[in-house]
Protein backbone atom coordinates (compact mmCIF):
# COMPACT_ATOMS: atom_id res chain seq x y z
CA MET A 1 190.69 94.69 108.42
CA HIS A 2 189.86 95.07 112.13
CA SER A 3 192.13 98.10 112.42
CA LYS A 4 189.85 100.22 110.19
CA TRP A 5 186.84 100.17 112.53
CA LEU A 6 188.64 99.83 115.87
CA PRO A 7 189.41 103.59 116.33
CA SER A 8 185.76 104.46 115.60
CA LEU A 9 184.57 101.85 118.06
CA LEU A 10 186.90 103.14 120.79
CA ILE A 11 185.82 106.74 120.19
CA GLY A 12 182.17 105.69 120.37
CA ILE A 13 182.71 103.85 123.64
CA GLY A 14 184.61 106.83 125.06
CA LEU A 15 181.80 109.21 124.16
CA ALA A 16 179.19 106.93 125.70
CA VAL A 17 181.15 106.65 128.93
CA SER A 18 181.90 110.38 129.15
CA SER A 19 178.34 111.44 128.40
CA SER A 20 176.89 109.07 130.98
CA ALA A 21 179.41 110.30 133.55
CA GLN A 22 178.12 113.85 133.03
CA ALA A 23 174.46 112.84 133.04
CA SER A 24 173.86 114.00 136.59
CA GLY A 25 175.09 117.01 138.48
CA SER A 26 176.73 117.31 141.85
CA ALA A 27 177.67 119.96 144.36
CA SER A 28 179.76 120.18 147.49
CA GLY A 29 180.41 122.51 150.38
CA LEU A 30 178.17 124.47 152.69
CA ILE A 31 174.50 125.19 152.15
CA THR A 32 173.97 128.69 150.78
CA TYR A 33 170.28 128.34 149.93
CA PHE A 34 167.54 126.15 151.42
CA VAL A 35 163.89 126.91 150.65
CA PRO A 36 161.01 124.64 151.71
CA PHE A 37 157.81 125.19 149.71
CA VAL A 38 154.63 123.54 148.44
CA SER A 39 153.89 123.04 144.75
CA GLY A 40 150.76 121.34 143.49
CA GLY A 41 149.88 120.37 147.06
CA VAL A 42 153.22 118.55 147.55
CA GLU A 43 155.87 119.68 150.03
CA MET A 44 159.30 120.20 148.46
CA PHE A 45 162.59 121.95 149.09
CA ALA A 46 165.27 123.52 146.93
CA VAL A 47 168.93 123.63 147.99
CA ARG A 48 172.16 125.15 146.66
CA LEU A 49 175.74 124.62 147.89
CA THR A 50 178.89 126.75 147.72
CA THR A 51 180.50 124.74 144.91
CA MET A 52 178.48 123.46 141.98
CA SER A 53 180.10 121.03 139.57
CA THR A 54 179.01 119.32 136.40
CA LEU A 55 175.33 120.05 135.92
CA PRO A 56 172.90 118.70 133.33
CA ALA A 57 171.80 121.28 130.78
CA CYS A 58 168.39 121.46 132.47
CA ASN A 59 169.84 122.68 135.80
CA THR A 60 169.94 126.36 134.91
CA ALA A 61 168.95 127.51 138.41
CA THR A 62 172.00 125.75 139.98
CA ARG A 63 169.61 124.23 142.54
CA PHE A 64 168.62 120.72 143.50
CA VAL A 65 165.00 119.89 144.39
CA MET A 66 163.38 117.02 146.28
CA SER A 67 159.68 116.26 146.69
CA ALA A 68 157.99 114.74 149.75
CA ALA A 69 156.98 111.92 147.40
CA ASP A 70 160.59 110.69 147.66
CA PRO A 71 160.93 108.12 150.49
CA LYS A 72 164.19 109.83 151.62
CA PHE A 73 162.56 113.27 151.94
CA ARG A 74 162.27 113.60 155.73
CA THR A 75 165.68 112.07 156.42
CA THR A 76 167.27 114.32 153.79
CA VAL A 77 165.65 117.46 155.20
CA ALA A 78 166.85 116.53 158.71
CA ALA A 79 170.39 115.89 157.46
CA LEU A 80 170.49 119.14 155.48
CA LEU A 81 169.30 121.22 158.42
CA GLY A 82 171.74 119.50 160.77
CA ALA A 83 174.59 120.12 158.32
CA HIS A 84 173.61 123.74 157.88
CA PHE A 85 173.41 124.56 161.57
CA SER A 86 176.61 122.67 162.41
CA GLY A 87 178.57 124.16 159.49
CA THR A 88 179.26 120.68 158.05
CA SER A 89 180.27 120.27 154.40
CA ILE A 90 178.04 118.02 152.34
CA PHE A 91 177.92 116.47 148.89
CA ILE A 92 174.78 116.43 146.73
CA HIS A 93 174.24 114.17 143.76
CA GLY A 94 171.47 114.78 141.25
CA GLN A 95 169.47 112.43 139.09
CA GLY A 96 170.30 114.18 135.82
CA THR A 97 166.65 115.17 135.36
CA CYS A 98 164.71 118.34 136.11
CA THR A 99 161.11 117.12 136.29
CA THR A 100 160.17 117.43 139.98
CA TYR A 101 159.54 121.18 140.05
CA ASP A 102 160.41 123.80 137.45
CA ASN A 103 162.46 122.14 134.71
CA ALA A 104 165.39 124.33 135.81
CA SER A 105 166.31 122.69 139.13
CA GLU A 106 167.86 119.23 139.10
CA ASP A 107 166.07 116.40 140.88
CA LEU A 108 168.10 115.46 143.97
CA ALA A 109 169.15 111.80 144.18
CA TYR A 110 171.02 111.71 147.50
CA ILE A 111 173.31 113.64 149.87
CA CYS A 112 176.36 112.68 151.90
CA LEU A 113 177.58 114.43 155.04
CA GLY A 114 181.21 115.04 155.93
CA THR A 115 184.33 115.88 154.01
CA ASP A 116 184.71 112.68 151.97
CA PRO A 117 182.81 112.42 148.69
CA CYS A 118 180.42 109.51 148.40
């Protein structure tokens, strides 16, 4: 009796795990685009790297955006600029949402410097 529903349960669990794993985007490599700007009176920046990987459907601009409202904003800007001018590879991880700016750029969660993914 258990064998009838077990395959469906395993498929359901697999889909839940795979969809949550793809919920946020990421990118790696060198910075190819960095634009600071102000929107609605709030300082922000948009960034793009050489290699984009799995992106949420909302990230149609292949960019990540962070607002100065994020407590990591100044540290992240400093790290991005340092990485850019030193030619250091970085990793970016998104939040899986696109609500900070234009509904086309993914909200940036965090970055990591160096060659090892974080």
